[in-house]
PDB file of all heavy atoms in Angstrom:
ATOM      1  N   ARG A   1      78.785  88.804  91.285  1.00  0.00           N
ATOM      2  CA  ARG A   1      78.252  88.142  90.104  1.00  0.00           C
ATOM      3  C   ARG A   1      78.804  86.728  90.011  1.00  0.00           C
ATOM      4  O   ARG A   1      79.864  86.428  90.551  1.00  0.00           O
ATOM      5  CB  ARG A   1      78.581  88.923  88.831  1.00  0.00           C
ATOM      6  CG  ARG A   1      80.026  88.885  88.398  1.00  0.00           C
ATOM      7  CD  ARG A   1      80.230  89.806  87.202  1.00  0.00           C
ATOM      8  NE  ARG A   1      81.583  89.678  86.647  1.00  0.00           N
ATOM      9  CZ  ARG A   1      82.044  90.459  85.669  1.00  0.00           C
ATOM     10  NH1 ARG A   1      81.275  91.408  85.139  1.00  0.00           N
ATOM     11  NH2 ARG A   1      83.272  90.272  85.210  1.00  0.00           N
ATOM     12  N   GLN A   2      78.052  85.894  89.313  1.00  0.00           N
ATOM     13  CA  GLN A   2      78.482  84.522  89.104  1.00  0.00           C
ATOM     14  C   GLN A   2      78.096  84.085  87.701  1.00  0.00           C
ATOM     15  O   GLN A   2      76.905  84.051  87.368  1.00  0.00           O
ATOM     16  CB  GLN A   2      77.863  83.581  90.142  1.00  0.00           C
ATOM     17  CG  GLN A   2      78.413  82.174  90.075  1.00  0.00           C
ATOM     18  CD  GLN A   2      77.998  81.326  91.260  1.00  0.00           C
ATOM     19  OE1 GLN A   2      77.028  81.616  91.956  1.00  0.00           O
ATOM     20  NE2 GLN A   2      78.748  80.276  91.530  1.00  0.00           N
ATOM     21  N   ALA A   3      79.102  83.791  86.913  1.00  0.00           N
ATOM     22  CA  ALA A   3      78.880  83.278  85.562  1.00  0.00           C
ATOM     23  C   ALA A   3      78.735  81.762  85.631  1.00  0.00           C
ATOM     24  O   ALA A   3      79.217  81.128  86.575  1.00  0.00           O
ATOM     25  CB  ALA A   3      80.037  83.672  84.666  1.00  0.00           C
ATOM     26  N   PRO A   4      78.101  81.166  84.642  1.00  0.00           N
ATOM     27  CA  PRO A   4      77.923  79.708  84.638  1.00  0.00           C
ATOM     28  C   PRO A   4      79.261  78.985  84.776  1.00  0.00           C
ATOM     29  O   PRO A   4      80.210  79.266  84.038  1.00  0.00           O
ATOM     30  CB  PRO A   4      77.281  79.440  83.281  1.00  0.00           C
ATOM     31  CG  PRO A   4      76.580  80.711  82.944  1.00  0.00           C
ATOM     32  CD  PRO A   4      77.440  81.806  83.498  1.00  0.00           C
ATOM     33  N   GLY A   5      79.340  78.077  85.738  1.00  0.00           N
ATOM     34  CA  GLY A   5      80.551  77.301  85.932  1.00  0.00           C
ATOM     35  C   GLY A   5      81.687  78.039  86.593  1.00  0.00           C
ATOM     36  O   GLY A   5      82.794  77.502  86.702  1.00  0.00           O
ATOM     37  N   GLN A   6      81.425  79.262  87.024  1.00  0.00           N
ATOM     38  CA  GLN A   6      82.473  80.070  87.630  1.00  0.00           C
ATOM     39  C   GLN A   6      82.156  80.336  89.102  1.00  0.00           C
ATOM     40  O   GLN A   6      81.019  80.175  89.551  1.00  0.00           O
ATOM     41  CB  GLN A   6      82.605  81.410  86.896  1.00  0.00           C
ATOM     42  CG  GLN A   6      82.901  81.280  85.420  1.00  0.00           C
ATOM     43  CD  GLN A   6      84.242  80.647  85.139  1.00  0.00           C
ATOM     44  OE1 GLN A   6      85.238  80.974  85.779  1.00  0.00           O
ATOM     45  NE2 GLN A   6      84.272  79.715  84.201  1.00  0.00           N
ATOM     46  N   VAL A   7      83.181  80.760  89.843  1.00  0.00           N
ATOM     47  CA  VAL A   7      82.957  81.137  91.244  1.00  0.00           C
ATOM     48  C   VAL A   7      82.326  82.517  91.304  1.00  0.00           C
ATOM     49  O   VAL A   7      82.458  83.321  90.378  1.00  0.00           O
ATOM     50  CB  VAL A   7      84.280  81.104  92.036  1.00  0.00           C
ATOM     51  CG1 VAL A   7      84.872  79.705  92.042  1.00  0.00           C
ATOM     52  CG2 VAL A   7      85.262  82.116  91.480  1.00  0.00           C
ATOM     53  N   ARG A   8      81.622  82.742  92.390  1.00  0.00           N
ATOM     54  CA  ARG A   8      81.031  84.069  92.593  1.00  0.00           C
ATOM     55  C   ARG A   8      82.150  85.068  92.872  1.00  0.00           C
ATOM     56  O   ARG A   8      83.073  84.781  93.640  1.00  0.00           O
ATOM     57  CB  ARG A   8      80.042  84.005  93.755  1.00  0.00           C
ATOM     58  CG  ARG A   8      79.121  85.183  93.873  1.00  0.00           C
ATOM     59  CD  ARG A   8      78.019  84.920  94.876  1.00  0.00           C
ATOM     60  NE  ARG A   8      77.068  83.919  94.377  1.00  0.00           N
ATOM     61  CZ  ARG A   8      75.916  83.635  94.980  1.00  0.00           C
ATOM     62  NH1 ARG A   8      75.579  84.273  96.092  1.00  0.00           N
ATOM     63  NH2 ARG A   8      75.109  82.720  94.487  1.00  0.00           N
ATOM     64  N   GLU A   9      82.066  86.243  92.262  1.00  0.00           N
ATOM     65  CA  GLU A   9      83.128  87.242  92.433  1.00  0.00           C
ATOM     66  C   GLU A   9      82.545  88.596  92.788  1.00  0.00           C
ATOM     67  O   GLU A   9      81.447  88.971  92.347  1.00  0.00           O
ATOM     68  CB  GLU A   9      83.977  87.351  91.155  1.00  0.00           C
ATOM     69  CG  GLU A   9      83.222  87.686  89.892  1.00  0.00           C
ATOM     70  CD  GLU A   9      84.102  87.629  88.648  1.00  0.00           C
ATOM     71  OE1 GLU A   9      85.305  87.290  88.744  1.00  0.00           O
ATOM     72  OE2 GLU A   9      83.582  87.937  87.560  1.00  0.00           O
ATOM     73  N   LEU A  10      83.304  89.324  93.592  1.00  0.00           N
ATOM     74  CA  LEU A  10      82.897  90.654  94.024  1.00  0.00           C
ATOM     75  C   LEU A  10      83.051  91.633  92.871  1.00  0.00           C
ATOM     76  O   LEU A  10      84.089  91.677  92.214  1.00  0.00           O
ATOM     77  CB  LEU A  10      83.756  91.094  95.209  1.00  0.00           C
ATOM     78  CG  LEU A  10      83.494  92.478  95.781  1.00  0.00           C
ATOM     79  CD1 LEU A  10      82.082  92.580  96.342  1.00  0.00           C
ATOM     80  CD2 LEU A  10      84.527  92.787  96.869  1.00  0.00           C
ATOM     81  N   VAL A  11      82.019  92.421  92.658  1.00  0.00           N
ATOM     82  CA  VAL A  11      82.023  93.406  91.577  1.00  0.00           C
ATOM     83  C   VAL A  11      82.237  94.818  92.112  1.00  0.00           C
ATOM     84  O   VAL A  11      83.092  95.556  91.626  1.00  0.00           O
ATOM     85  CB  VAL A  11      80.697  93.337  90.796  1.00  0.00           C
ATOM     86  CG1 VAL A  11      80.640  94.432  89.727  1.00  0.00           C
ATOM     87  CG2 VAL A  11      80.503  91.969  90.169  1.00  0.00           C
ATOM     88  N   ALA A  12      81.439  95.204  93.097  1.00  0.00           N
ATOM     89  CA  ALA A  12      81.506  96.569  93.606  1.00  0.00           C
ATOM     90  C   ALA A  12      80.966  96.613  95.029  1.00  0.00           C
ATOM     91  O   ALA A  12      80.123  95.793  95.408  1.00  0.00           O
ATOM     92  CB  ALA A  12      80.700  97.515  92.721  1.00  0.00           C
ATOM     93  N   SER A  13      81.461  97.594  95.792  1.00  0.00           N
ATOM     94  CA  SER A  13      81.038  97.772  97.174  1.00  0.00           C
ATOM     95  C   SER A  13      80.801  99.232  97.461  1.00  0.00           C
ATOM     96  O   SER A  13      81.443 100.100  96.857  1.00  0.00           O
ATOM     97  CB  SER A  13      82.109  97.240  98.130  1.00  0.00           C
ATOM     98  OG  SER A  13      82.379  95.874  97.906  1.00  0.00           O
ATOM     99  N   ILE A  14      79.908  99.480  98.406  1.00  0.00           N
ATOM    100  CA  ILE A  14      79.709 100.829  98.916  1.00  0.00           C
ATOM    101  C   ILE A  14      79.600 100.715 100.428  1.00  0.00           C
ATOM    102  O   ILE A  14      78.845  99.895 100.954  1.00  0.00           O
ATOM    103  CB  ILE A  14      78.477 101.508  98.275  1.00  0.00           C
ATOM    104  CG1 ILE A  14      78.355 102.946  98.764  1.00  0.00           C
ATOM    105  CG2 ILE A  14      77.199 100.731  98.533  1.00  0.00           C
ATOM    106  CD1 ILE A  14      77.378 103.791  97.938  1.00  0.00           C
ATOM    107  N   THR A  15      80.383 101.536 101.131  1.00  0.00           N
ATOM    108  CA  THR A  15      80.372 101.472 102.587  1.00  0.00           C
ATOM    109  C   THR A  15      79.210 102.281 103.143  1.00  0.00           C
ATOM    110  O   THR A  15      78.565 103.072 102.430  1.00  0.00           O
ATOM    111  CB  THR A  15      81.668 102.012 103.174  1.00  0.00           C
ATOM    112  OG1 THR A  15      81.725 103.430 102.936  1.00  0.00           O
ATOM    113  CG2 THR A  15      82.890 101.347 102.556  1.00  0.00           C
ATOM    114  N   ALA A  16      78.979 102.123 104.442  1.00  0.00           N
ATOM    115  CA  ALA A  16      77.937 102.912 105.089  1.00  0.00           C
ATOM    116  C   ALA A  16      78.223 104.405 104.925  1.00  0.00           C
ATOM    117  O   ALA A  16      77.298 105.212 104.800  1.00  0.00           O
ATOM    118  CB  ALA A  16      77.856 102.536 106.562  1.00  0.00           C
ATOM    119  N   GLY A  17      79.479 104.755 104.892  1.00  0.00           N
ATOM    120  CA  GLY A  17      79.852 106.151 104.732  1.00  0.00           C
ATOM    121  C   GLY A  17      79.857 106.642 103.300  1.00  0.00           C
ATOM    122  O   GLY A  17      80.103 107.828 103.045  1.00  0.00           O
ATOM    123  N   GLY A  18      79.594 105.745 102.355  1.00  0.00           N
ATOM    124  CA  GLY A  18      79.484 106.160 100.964  1.00  0.00           C
ATOM    125  C   GLY A  18      80.727 105.953 100.124  1.00  0.00           C
ATOM    126  O   GLY A  18      80.746 106.321  98.944  1.00  0.00           O
ATOM    127  N   MET A  19      81.764 105.365 100.704  1.00  0.00           N
ATOM    128  CA  MET A  19      82.965 105.073  99.919  1.00  0.00           C
ATOM    129  C   MET A  19      82.682 103.901  98.999  1.00  0.00           C
ATOM    130  O   MET A  19      82.001 102.952  99.382  1.00  0.00           O
ATOM    131  CB  MET A  19      84.130 104.746 100.843  1.00  0.00           C
ATOM    132  CG  MET A  19      84.511 105.879 101.772  1.00  0.00           C
ATOM    133  SD  MET A  19      85.234 107.278 100.885  1.00  0.00           S
ATOM    134  CE  MET A  19      86.807 106.542 100.432  1.00  0.00           C
ATOM    135  N   THR A  20      83.208 103.976  97.784  1.00  0.00           N
ATOM    136  CA  THR A  20      82.968 102.914  96.810  1.00  0.00           C
ATOM    137  C   THR A  20      84.282 102.246  96.400  1.00  0.00           C
ATOM    138  O   THR A  20      85.359 102.854  96.477  1.00  0.00           O
ATOM    139  CB  THR A  20      82.269 103.458  95.561  1.00  0.00           C
ATOM    140  OG1 THR A  20      83.089 104.486  94.976  1.00  0.00           O
ATOM    141  CG2 THR A  20      80.917 104.055  95.907  1.00  0.00           C
ATOM    142  N   ASP A  21      84.149 101.027  95.958  1.00  0.00           N
ATOM    143  CA  ASP A  21      85.313 100.271  95.497  1.00  0.00           C
ATOM    144  C   ASP A  21      84.832  99.311  94.416  1.00  0.00           C
ATOM    145  O   ASP A  21      83.683  98.849  94.457  1.00  0.00           O
ATOM    146  CB  ASP A  21      85.954  99.495  96.641  1.00  0.00           C
ATOM    147  CG  ASP A  21      87.342  99.003  96.288  1.00  0.00           C
ATOM    148  OD1 ASP A  21      87.962  99.568  95.357  1.00  0.00           O
ATOM    149  OD2 ASP A  21      87.827  98.047  96.917  1.00  0.00           O
ATOM    150  N   TYR A  22      85.736  99.021  93.480  1.00  0.00           N
ATOM    151  CA  TYR A  22      85.368  98.215  92.330  1.00  0.00           C
ATOM    152  C   TYR A  22      86.429  97.175  92.019  1.00  0.00           C
ATOM    153  O   TYR A  22      87.625  97.409  92.216  1.00  0.00           O
ATOM    154  CB  TYR A  22      85.183  99.109  91.097  1.00  0.00           C
ATOM    155  CG  TYR A  22      84.127 100.151  91.265  1.00  0.00           C
ATOM    156  CD1 TYR A  22      84.437 101.413  91.757  1.00  0.00           C
ATOM    157  CD2 TYR A  22      82.793  99.875  90.955  1.00  0.00           C
ATOM    158  CE1 TYR A  22      83.460 102.374  91.940  1.00  0.00           C
ATOM    159  CE2 TYR A  22      81.806 100.830  91.124  1.00  0.00           C
ATOM    160  CZ  TYR A  22      82.151 102.077  91.618  1.00  0.00           C
ATOM    161  OH  TYR A  22      81.175 103.031  91.800  1.00  0.00           O
ATOM    162  N   ALA A  23      85.969  96.066  91.480  1.00  0.00           N
ATOM    163  CA  ALA A  23      86.910  95.099  90.936  1.00  0.00           C
ATOM    164  C   ALA A  23      87.585  95.717  89.715  1.00  0.00           C
ATOM    165  O   ALA A  23      86.980  96.532  89.002  1.00  0.00           O
ATOM    166  CB  ALA A  23      86.183  93.823  90.541  1.00  0.00           C
ATOM    167  N   ASP A  24      88.824  95.333  89.480  1.00  0.00           N
ATOM    168  CA  ASP A  24      89.567  95.910  88.355  1.00  0.00           C
ATOM    169  C   ASP A  24      88.842  95.702  87.029  1.00  0.00           C
ATOM    170  O   ASP A  24      88.897  96.568  86.153  1.00  0.00           O
ATOM    171  CB  ASP A  24      90.965  95.286  88.284  1.00  0.00           C
ATOM    172  CG  ASP A  24      91.883  95.806  89.371  1.00  0.00           C
ATOM    173  OD1 ASP A  24      91.570  96.848  89.981  1.00  0.00           O
ATOM    174  OD2 ASP A  24      92.920  95.168  89.621  1.00  0.00           O
ATOM    175  N   PHE A  25      88.163  94.594  86.900  1.00  0.00           N
ATOM    176  CA  PHE A  25      87.548  94.284  85.603  1.00  0.00           C
ATOM    177  C   PHE A  25      86.304  95.123  85.305  1.00  0.00           C
ATOM    178  O   PHE A  25      85.763  95.050  84.207  1.00  0.00           O
ATOM    179  CB  PHE A  25      87.230  92.782  85.481  1.00  0.00           C
ATOM    180  CG  PHE A  25      86.437  92.199  86.618  1.00  0.00           C
ATOM    181  CD1 PHE A  25      85.069  92.371  86.697  1.00  0.00           C
ATOM    182  CD2 PHE A  25      87.077  91.471  87.607  1.00  0.00           C
ATOM    183  CE1 PHE A  25      84.340  91.828  87.741  1.00  0.00           C
ATOM    184  CE2 PHE A  25      86.355  90.920  88.661  1.00  0.00           C
ATOM    185  CZ  PHE A  25      84.991  91.099  88.730  1.00  0.00           C
ATOM    186  N   VAL A  26      85.837  95.944  86.254  1.00  0.00           N
ATOM    187  CA  VAL A  26      84.700  96.823  85.975  1.00  0.00           C
ATOM    188  C   VAL A  26      85.014  98.296  86.218  1.00  0.00           C
ATOM    189  O   VAL A  26      84.174  99.158  85.955  1.00  0.00           O
ATOM    190  CB  VAL A  26      83.447  96.442  86.789  1.00  0.00           C
ATOM    191  CG1 VAL A  26      83.045  94.991  86.531  1.00  0.00           C
ATOM    192  CG2 VAL A  26      83.632  96.707  88.272  1.00  0.00           C
ATOM    193  N   LYS A  27      86.210  98.586  86.690  1.00  0.00           N
ATOM    194  CA  LYS A  27      86.558  99.987  86.960  1.00  0.00           C
ATOM    195  C   LYS A  27      86.422 100.834  85.720  1.00  0.00           C
ATOM    196  O   LYS A  27      86.866 100.463  84.636  1.00  0.00           O
ATOM    197  CB  LYS A  27      87.993 100.071  87.504  1.00  0.00           C
ATOM    198  CG  LYS A  27      88.113  99.803  88.984  1.00  0.00           C
ATOM    199  CD  LYS A  27      89.547  99.943  89.474  1.00  0.00           C
ATOM    200  CE  LYS A  27      89.619  99.642  90.968  1.00  0.00           C
ATOM    201  NZ  LYS A  27      91.024  99.675  91.458  1.00  0.00           N
ATOM    202  N   GLY A  28      85.788 101.983  85.886  1.00  0.00           N
ATOM    203  CA  GLY A  28      85.584 102.883  84.767  1.00  0.00           C
ATOM    204  C   GLY A  28      84.349 102.584  83.939  1.00  0.00           C
ATOM    205  O   GLY A  28      83.964 103.379  83.075  1.00  0.00           O
ATOM    206  N   ARG A  29      83.726 101.429  84.194  1.00  0.00           N
ATOM    207  CA  ARG A  29      82.520 101.044  83.430  1.00  0.00           C
ATOM    208  C   ARG A  29      81.280 100.936  84.322  1.00  0.00           C
ATOM    209  O   ARG A  29      80.179 101.260  83.873  1.00  0.00           O
ATOM    210  CB  ARG A  29      82.751  99.704  82.726  1.00  0.00           C
ATOM    211  CG  ARG A  29      83.909  99.692  81.757  1.00  0.00           C
ATOM    212  CD  ARG A  29      83.949  98.400  80.950  1.00  0.00           C
ATOM    213  NE  ARG A  29      84.137  97.219  81.790  1.00  0.00           N
ATOM    214  CZ  ARG A  29      83.306  96.167  81.802  1.00  0.00           C
ATOM    215  NH1 ARG A  29      82.232  96.153  81.034  1.00  0.00           N
ATOM    216  NH2 ARG A  29      83.565  95.118  82.581  1.00  0.00           N
ATOM    217  N   PHE A  30      81.452 100.480  85.547  1.00  0.00           N
ATOM    218  CA  PHE A  30      80.324 100.273  86.464  1.00  0.00           C
ATOM    219  C   PHE A  30      80.366 101.312  87.582  1.00  0.00           C
ATOM    220  O   PHE A  30      81.438 101.735  88.013  1.00  0.00           O
ATOM    221  CB  PHE A  30      80.388  98.886  87.093  1.00  0.00           C
ATOM    222  CG  PHE A  30      80.121  97.733  86.163  1.00  0.00           C
ATOM    223  CD1 PHE A  30      80.064  97.897  84.791  1.00  0.00           C
ATOM    224  CD2 PHE A  30      79.917  96.468  86.684  1.00  0.00           C
ATOM    225  CE1 PHE A  30      79.828  96.825  83.950  1.00  0.00           C
ATOM    226  CE2 PHE A  30      79.672  95.375  85.863  1.00  0.00           C
ATOM    227  CZ  PHE A  30      79.630  95.561  84.491  1.00  0.00           C
ATOM    228  N   THR A  31      79.174 101.665  88.052  1.00  0.00           N
ATOM    229  CA  THR A  31      79.059 102.593  89.175  1.00  0.00           C
ATOM    230  C   THR A  31      78.037 102.065  90.168  1.00  0.00           C
ATOM    231  O   THR A  31      76.891 101.791  89.798  1.00  0.00           O
ATOM    232  CB  THR A  31      78.630 103.985  88.698  1.00  0.00           C
ATOM    233  OG1 THR A  31      79.562 104.464  87.726  1.00  0.00           O
ATOM    234  CG2 THR A  31      78.575 104.960  89.873  1.00  0.00           C
ATOM    235  N   ILE A  32      78.459 101.943  91.418  1.00  0.00           N
ATOM    236  CA  ILE A  32      77.549 101.538  92.483  1.00  0.00           C
ATOM    237  C   ILE A  32      77.046 102.789  93.190  1.00  0.00           C
ATOM    238  O   ILE A  32      77.802 103.741  93.398  1.00  0.00           O
ATOM    239  CB  ILE A  32      78.239 100.572  93.475  1.00  0.00           C
ATOM    240  CG1 ILE A  32      77.243  99.993  94.474  1.00  0.00           C
ATOM    241  CG2 ILE A  32      79.421 101.236  94.176  1.00  0.00           C
ATOM    242  CD1 ILE A  32      77.830  98.877  95.341  1.00  0.00           C
ATOM    243  N   SER A  33      75.764 102.784  93.530  1.00  0.00           N
ATOM    244  CA  SER A  33      75.188 103.923  94.229  1.00  0.00           C
ATOM    245  C   SER A  33      73.980 103.451  95.031  1.00  0.00           C
ATOM    246  O   SER A  33      73.573 102.287  94.919  1.00  0.00           O
ATOM    247  CB  SER A  33      74.773 105.021  93.245  1.00  0.00           C
ATOM    248  OG  SER A  33      73.744 104.553  92.386  1.00  0.00           O
ATOM    249  N   ARG A  34      73.430 104.329  95.806  1.00  0.00           N
ATOM    250  CA  ARG A  34      72.242 103.964  96.580  1.00  0.00           C
ATOM    251  C   ARG A  34      71.343 105.178  96.740  1.00  0.00           C
ATOM    252  O   ARG A  34      71.801 106.318  96.685  1.00  0.00           O
ATOM    253  CB  ARG A  34      72.637 103.423  97.953  1.00  0.00           C
ATOM    254  CG  ARG A  34      73.290 104.437  98.847  1.00  0.00           C
ATOM    255  CD  ARG A  34      73.758 103.857 100.166  1.00  0.00           C
ATOM    256  NE  ARG A  34      74.351 104.907 100.989  1.00  0.00           N
ATOM    257  CZ  ARG A  34      75.415 104.738 101.746  1.00  0.00           C
ATOM    258  NH1 ARG A  34      76.012 103.546 101.802  1.00  0.00           N
ATOM    259  NH2 ARG A  34      75.874 105.728 102.461  1.00  0.00           N
ATOM    260  N   ASP A  35      70.080 104.898  96.926  1.00  0.00           N
ATOM    261  CA  ASP A  35      69.085 105.922  97.224  1.00  0.00           C
ATOM    262  C   ASP A  35      68.498 105.542  98.576  1.00  0.00           C
ATOM    263  O   ASP A  35      67.697 104.613  98.676  1.00  0.00           O
ATOM    264  CB  ASP A  35      68.010 105.951  96.137  1.00  0.00           C
ATOM    265  CG  ASP A  35      67.005 107.081  96.347  1.00  0.00           C
ATOM    266  OD1 ASP A  35      66.733 107.426  97.516  1.00  0.00           O
ATOM    267  OD2 ASP A  35      66.495 107.596  95.347  1.00  0.00           O
TER     268      ASP A  35
END
């Protein structure tokens, strides 16, 4: 994500194997998934 005037920052990732990872500022609130 990128807010106005801010640098782009990583929010969440999902690996090919399905492992997920989150930035601390969204942990517990955001969920990454795929279909």
